[in-house]
Amino acid sequence: MLATSIQIVDSSSLSITDQMSQKQIDFKNESLTGFINHPKRFPLHYKRLRFWEKSKLEFGHQANIGLTFSSEKYEKPGNILEITIPTKKETYQFSAKVVAVKQTETGYELGVWLLNAEDAPKLRIIEKICHIEIYLNEKKYREGPFLSQEKVTEEWIGKFASQFSVN
């Protein structure tokens, strides 16, 4: 089993350099239960909320789902982010807290936990749409543009839907 190293930092008084030199925690991939990995080729935007913006948020019960995605910028664990995922028909927003940061060759992999339980089902559906769109585009590129979107969607569901957290 492949072990992954992720940095989790609690202290907000440390500089970024100090934060990056903190002890790294190793854990197996099963520890990421509840996290959905956002596809790198599907757009995702985020902004860190400032103090006055955070005070306007209404927090419900914390969700039981998280999201991981690539970022060029380091975000300190504990930061509150507003995540925006645009789809063909609509743009969706989620509030999340950074809970893990992993440095990669191209930047960082951020692990965030949704702040509102009401957003969990919506995030699961949106992430499935993102993954299906990427899968559909790859199939059309390899097999031609005349594929049935419904059949490719059914194929993706049969192969990959069980990998998404349902809790």
C-alpha atoms as a PDB file:
ATOM      1  CA  MET A   1       0.000   0.000   0.000  1.00  0.00           C
ATOM      2  CA  LEU A   2       1.384   3.392  -0.971  1.00  0.00           C
ATOM      3  CA  ALA A   3       1.887   5.786   1.941  1.00  0.00           C
ATOM      4  CA  THR A   4       1.290   9.481   1.440  1.00  0.00           C
ATOM      5  CA  SER A   5       2.930  12.286   3.352  1.00  0.00           C
ATOM      6  CA  ILE A   6       0.747  15.264   4.221  1.00  0.00           C
ATOM      7  CA  GLN A   7       1.487  18.201   6.435  1.00  0.00           C
ATOM      8  CA  ILE A   8      -1.061  19.261   8.995  1.00  0.00           C
ATOM      9  CA  VAL A   9      -0.251  22.435  10.903  1.00  0.00           C
ATOM     10  CA  ASP A  10      -2.332  23.947  13.689  1.00  0.00           C
ATOM     11  CA  SER A  11      -0.284  26.962  14.690  1.00  0.00           C
ATOM     12  CA  SER A  12      -1.410  30.173  13.011  1.00  0.00           C
ATOM     13  CA  SER A  13       1.556  32.140  14.335  1.00  0.00           C
ATOM     14  CA  LEU A  14       4.148  30.319  12.214  1.00  0.00           C
ATOM     15  CA  SER A  15       5.545  31.762   9.008  1.00  0.00           C
ATOM     16  CA  ILE A  16       5.058  29.786   5.792  1.00  0.00           C
ATOM     17  CA  THR A  17       8.708  28.656   5.908  1.00  0.00           C
ATOM     18  CA  ASP A  18       8.242  27.422   9.479  1.00  0.00           C
ATOM     19  CA  GLN A  19       5.000  25.717   8.534  1.00  0.00           C
ATOM     20  CA  MET A  20       6.625  23.843   5.677  1.00  0.00           C
ATOM     21  CA  SER A  21       9.378  22.563   7.979  1.00  0.00           C
ATOM     22  CA  GLN A  22       6.924  21.151  10.551  1.00  0.00           C
ATOM     23  CA  LYS A  23       6.865  17.404  11.142  1.00  0.00           C
ATOM     24  CA  GLN A  24       5.141  15.533   8.330  1.00  0.00           C
ATOM     25  CA  ILE A  25       2.511  12.911   9.125  1.00  0.00           C
ATOM     26  CA  ASP A  26       2.503   9.688   7.108  1.00  0.00           C
ATOM     27  CA  PHE A  27      -0.706   7.774   6.594  1.00  0.00           C
ATOM     28  CA  LYS A  28      -2.162   5.263   4.204  1.00  0.00           C
ATOM     29  CA  ASN A  29      -4.695   6.224   1.560  1.00  0.00           C
ATOM     30  CA  GLU A  30      -7.534   4.679   3.608  1.00  0.00           C
ATOM     31  CA  SER A  31      -7.133   7.647   5.974  1.00  0.00           C
ATOM     32  CA  LEU A  32      -8.548   9.896   3.276  1.00  0.00           C
ATOM     33  CA  THR A  33     -11.992   8.328   3.624  1.00  0.00           C
ATOM     34  CA  GLY A  34     -14.578  10.974   2.939  1.00  0.00           C
ATOM     35  CA  PHE A  35     -12.389  12.974   0.537  1.00  0.00           C
ATOM     36  CA  ILE A  36     -13.156  13.254  -3.168  1.00  0.00           C
ATOM     37  CA  ASN A  37     -10.253  14.047  -5.471  1.00  0.00           C
ATOM     38  CA  HIS A  38     -11.226  16.852  -7.874  1.00  0.00           C
ATOM     39  CA  PRO A  39      -9.916  16.191 -11.425  1.00  0.00           C
ATOM     40  CA  LYS A  40      -6.981  18.439 -12.291  1.00  0.00           C
ATOM     41  CA  ARG A  41      -8.293  19.198 -15.779  1.00  0.00           C
ATOM     42  CA  PHE A  42     -11.675  20.455 -14.595  1.00  0.00           C
ATOM     43  CA  PRO A  43     -11.850  24.107 -13.487  1.00  0.00           C
ATOM     44  CA  LEU A  44     -12.018  24.906  -9.800  1.00  0.00           C
ATOM     45  CA  HIS A  45     -11.474  28.335  -8.321  1.00  0.00           C
ATOM     46  CA  TYR A  46     -11.126  29.355  -4.727  1.00  0.00           C
ATOM     47  CA  LYS A  47     -10.445  32.363  -2.601  1.00  0.00           C
ATOM     48  CA  ARG A  48      -9.389  32.588   1.003  1.00  0.00           C
ATOM     49  CA  LEU A  49     -11.985  34.381   3.081  1.00  0.00           C
ATOM     50  CA  ARG A  50     -10.813  37.275   5.202  1.00  0.00           C
ATOM     51  CA  PHE A  51     -11.960  37.862   8.761  1.00  0.00           C
ATOM     52  CA  TRP A  52     -14.875  40.128   7.819  1.00  0.00           C
ATOM     53  CA  GLU A  53     -16.028  37.687   5.105  1.00  0.00           C
ATOM     54  CA  LYS A  54     -15.915  34.707   7.497  1.00  0.00           C
ATOM     55  CA  SER A  55     -18.074  36.530  10.013  1.00  0.00           C
ATOM     56  CA  LYS A  56     -20.886  36.734   7.425  1.00  0.00           C
ATOM     57  CA  LEU A  57     -20.972  32.956   6.893  1.00  0.00           C
ATOM     58  CA  GLU A  58     -23.705  30.926   8.502  1.00  0.00           C
ATOM     59  CA  PHE A  59     -22.339  27.564   9.582  1.00  0.00           C
ATOM     60  CA  GLY A  60     -24.598  24.549   9.851  1.00  0.00           C
ATOM     61  CA  HIS A  61     -23.475  21.156  11.041  1.00  0.00           C
ATOM     62  CA  GLN A  62     -20.068  20.260   9.656  1.00  0.00           C
ATOM     63  CA  ALA A  63     -20.272  17.973   6.635  1.00  0.00           C
ATOM     64  CA  ASN A  64     -18.818  14.483   6.566  1.00  0.00           C
ATOM     65  CA  ILE A  65     -17.091  14.992   3.228  1.00  0.00           C
ATOM     66  CA  GLY A  66     -13.938  16.635   2.013  1.00  0.00           C
ATOM     67  CA  LEU A  67     -12.363  17.571  -1.276  1.00  0.00           C
ATOM     68  CA  THR A  68      -8.769  17.463  -2.476  1.00  0.00           C
ATOM     69  CA  PHE A  69      -7.518  19.610  -5.340  1.00  0.00           C
ATOM     70  CA  SER A  70      -4.333  21.067  -6.791  1.00  0.00           C
ATOM     71  CA  SER A  71      -3.261  24.620  -6.067  1.00  0.00           C
ATOM     72  CA  GLU A  72      -0.314  26.748  -7.088  1.00  0.00           C
ATOM     73  CA  LYS A  73      -0.547  28.613  -3.777  1.00  0.00           C
ATOM     74  CA  TYR A  74       0.072  27.394  -0.261  1.00  0.00           C
ATOM     75  CA  GLU A  75      -2.930  27.678   2.034  1.00  0.00           C
ATOM     76  CA  LYS A  76      -2.443  27.339   5.753  1.00  0.00           C
ATOM     77  CA  PRO A  77      -4.478  24.634   7.524  1.00  0.00           C
ATOM     78  CA  GLY A  78      -7.360  26.336   9.285  1.00  0.00           C
ATOM     79  CA  ASN A  79      -7.966  28.851   6.486  1.00  0.00           C
ATOM     80  CA  ILE A  80     -11.571  29.135   5.326  1.00  0.00           C
ATOM     81  CA  LEU A  81     -12.013  29.001   1.550  1.00  0.00           C
ATOM     82  CA  GLU A  82     -14.864  29.766  -0.782  1.00  0.00           C
ATOM     83  CA  ILE A  83     -14.648  27.152  -3.533  1.00  0.00           C
ATOM     84  CA  THR A  84     -16.306  27.723  -6.912  1.00  0.00           C
ATOM     85  CA  ILE A  85     -16.841  24.928  -9.445  1.00  0.00           C
ATOM     86  CA  PRO A  86     -18.267  26.066 -12.792  1.00  0.00           C
ATOM     87  CA  THR A  87     -20.176  23.535 -14.907  1.00  0.00           C
ATOM     88  CA  LYS A  88     -21.813  23.991 -18.309  1.00  0.00           C
ATOM     89  CA  LYS A  89     -25.146  25.041 -16.810  1.00  0.00           C
ATOM     90  CA  GLU A  90     -24.360  26.556 -13.424  1.00  0.00           C
ATOM     91  CA  THR A  91     -21.629  27.618 -11.017  1.00  0.00           C
ATOM     92  CA  TYR A  92     -21.594  26.061  -7.544  1.00  0.00           C
ATOM     93  CA  GLN A  93     -20.043  27.476  -4.368  1.00  0.00           C
ATOM     94  CA  PHE A  94     -18.976  25.735  -1.188  1.00  0.00           C
ATOM     95  CA  SER A  95     -17.402  26.933   2.052  1.00  0.00           C
ATOM     96  CA  ALA A  96     -14.603  24.721   3.325  1.00  0.00           C
ATOM     97  CA  LYS A  97     -11.791  24.640   5.847  1.00  0.00           C
ATOM     98  CA  VAL A  98      -8.251  23.641   4.853  1.00  0.00           C
ATOM     99  CA  VAL A  99      -7.335  20.562   6.891  1.00  0.00           C
ATOM    100  CA  ALA A 100      -4.296  19.190   5.028  1.00  0.00           C
ATOM    101  CA  VAL A 101      -1.580  20.455   2.693  1.00  0.00           C
ATOM    102  CA  LYS A 102       0.778  18.321   0.619  1.00  0.00           C
ATOM    103  CA  GLN A 103       3.592  19.847  -1.389  1.00  0.00           C
ATOM    104  CA  THR A 104       3.837  18.467  -4.942  1.00  0.00           C
ATOM    105  CA  GLU A 105       6.170  19.063  -7.891  1.00  0.00           C
ATOM    106  CA  THR A 106       3.804  21.659  -9.359  1.00  0.00           C
ATOM    107  CA  GLY A 107       2.541  23.335  -6.180  1.00  0.00           C
ATOM    108  CA  TYR A 108       0.304  21.937  -3.463  1.00  0.00           C
ATOM    109  CA  GLU A 109      -2.490  19.466  -2.970  1.00  0.00           C
ATOM    110  CA  LEU A 110      -5.056  20.944  -0.599  1.00  0.00           C
ATOM    111  CA  GLY A 111      -7.426  18.864   1.486  1.00  0.00           C
ATOM    112  CA  VAL A 112     -10.520  20.770   2.588  1.00  0.00           C
ATOM    113  CA  TRP A 113     -13.527  19.773   4.679  1.00  0.00           C
ATOM    114  CA  LEU A 114     -16.954  21.203   3.891  1.00  0.00           C
ATOM    115  CA  LEU A 115     -18.356  23.447   6.589  1.00  0.00           C
ATOM    116  CA  ASN A 116     -22.048  22.820   5.916  1.00  0.00           C
ATOM    117  CA  ALA A 117     -23.615  19.367   5.902  1.00  0.00           C
ATOM    118  CA  GLU A 118     -26.282  20.588   3.462  1.00  0.00           C
ATOM    119  CA  ASP A 119     -23.555  20.966   0.799  1.00  0.00           C
ATOM    120  CA  ALA A 120     -22.392  17.331   0.980  1.00  0.00           C
ATOM    121  CA  PRO A 121     -24.932  15.761  -1.435  1.00  0.00           C
ATOM    122  CA  LYS A 122     -24.501  18.665  -3.856  1.00  0.00           C
ATOM    123  CA  LEU A 123     -20.697  18.308  -3.819  1.00  0.00           C
ATOM    124  CA  ARG A 124     -20.911  14.560  -4.503  1.00  0.00           C
ATOM    125  CA  ILE A 125     -23.158  15.173  -7.516  1.00  0.00           C
ATOM    126  CA  ILE A 126     -21.024  18.042  -8.861  1.00  0.00           C
ATOM    127  CA  GLU A 127     -17.836  16.001  -8.511  1.00  0.00           C
ATOM    128  CA  LYS A 128     -19.448  13.070 -10.327  1.00  0.00           C
ATOM    129  CA  ILE A 129     -20.392  15.475 -13.133  1.00  0.00           C
ATOM    130  CA  CYS A 130     -16.797  16.752 -13.280  1.00  0.00           C
ATOM    131  CA  HIS A 131     -15.368  13.233 -13.475  1.00  0.00           C
ATOM    132  CA  ILE A 132     -17.925  12.131 -16.074  1.00  0.00           C
ATOM    133  CA  GLU A 133     -17.142  15.189 -18.248  1.00  0.00           C
ATOM    134  CA  ILE A 134     -13.409  14.404 -18.149  1.00  0.00           C
ATOM    135  CA  TYR A 135     -14.114  10.730 -18.939  1.00  0.00           C
ATOM    136  CA  LEU A 136     -16.447  11.700 -21.807  1.00  0.00           C
ATOM    137  CA  ASN A 137     -13.873  14.084 -23.300  1.00  0.00           C
ATOM    138  CA  GLU A 138     -11.149  11.418 -23.121  1.00  0.00           C
ATOM    139  CA  LYS A 139     -13.423   8.823 -24.777  1.00  0.00           C
ATOM    140  CA  LYS A 140     -14.413  11.256 -27.547  1.00  0.00           C
ATOM    141  CA  TYR A 141     -10.757  12.078 -28.157  1.00  0.00           C
ATOM    142  CA  ARG A 142      -9.782   8.400 -28.386  1.00  0.00           C
ATOM    143  CA  GLU A 143     -12.891   6.939 -30.029  1.00  0.00           C
ATOM    144  CA  GLY A 144     -14.419   9.790 -31.992  1.00  0.00           C
ATOM    145  CA  PRO A 145     -16.955  12.557 -31.468  1.00  0.00           C
ATOM    146  CA  PHE A 146     -20.072  10.488 -32.164  1.00  0.00           C
ATOM    147  CA  LEU A 147     -20.231   8.619 -28.856  1.00  0.00           C
ATOM    148  CA  SER A 148     -23.499   8.583 -26.952  1.00  0.00           C
ATOM    149  CA  GLN A 149     -23.164  10.766 -23.882  1.00  0.00           C
ATOM    150  CA  GLU A 150     -25.749   8.627 -22.059  1.00  0.00           C
ATOM    151  CA  LYS A 151     -23.885   5.366 -22.762  1.00  0.00           C
ATOM    152  CA  VAL A 152     -20.548   6.846 -21.712  1.00  0.00           C
ATOM    153  CA  THR A 153     -22.176   8.180 -18.527  1.00  0.00           C
ATOM    154  CA  GLU A 154     -23.620   4.742 -17.760  1.00  0.00           C
ATOM    155  CA  GLU A 155     -20.198   3.196 -18.417  1.00  0.00           C
ATOM    156  CA  TRP A 156     -18.528   5.642 -16.025  1.00  0.00           C
ATOM    157  CA  ILE A 157     -21.160   4.979 -13.341  1.00  0.00           C
ATOM    158  CA  GLY A 158     -20.631   1.229 -13.686  1.00  0.00           C
ATOM    159  CA  LYS A 159     -16.856   1.555 -13.387  1.00  0.00           C
ATOM    160  CA  PHE A 160     -16.256   4.410 -10.959  1.00  0.00           C
ATOM    161  CA  ALA A 161     -19.359   5.583  -9.042  1.00  0.00           C
ATOM    162  CA  SER A 162     -18.679   3.195  -6.153  1.00  0.00           C
ATOM    163  CA  GLN A 163     -15.398   5.037  -5.448  1.00  0.00           C
ATOM    164  CA  PHE A 164     -17.270   8.141  -4.293  1.00  0.00           C
ATOM    165  CA  SER A 165     -17.944   8.535  -0.596  1.00  0.00           C
ATOM    166  CA  VAL A 166     -21.592   8.041   0.352  1.00  0.00           C
ATOM    167  CA  ASN A 167     -21.373   8.978   4.056  1.00  0.00           C
END
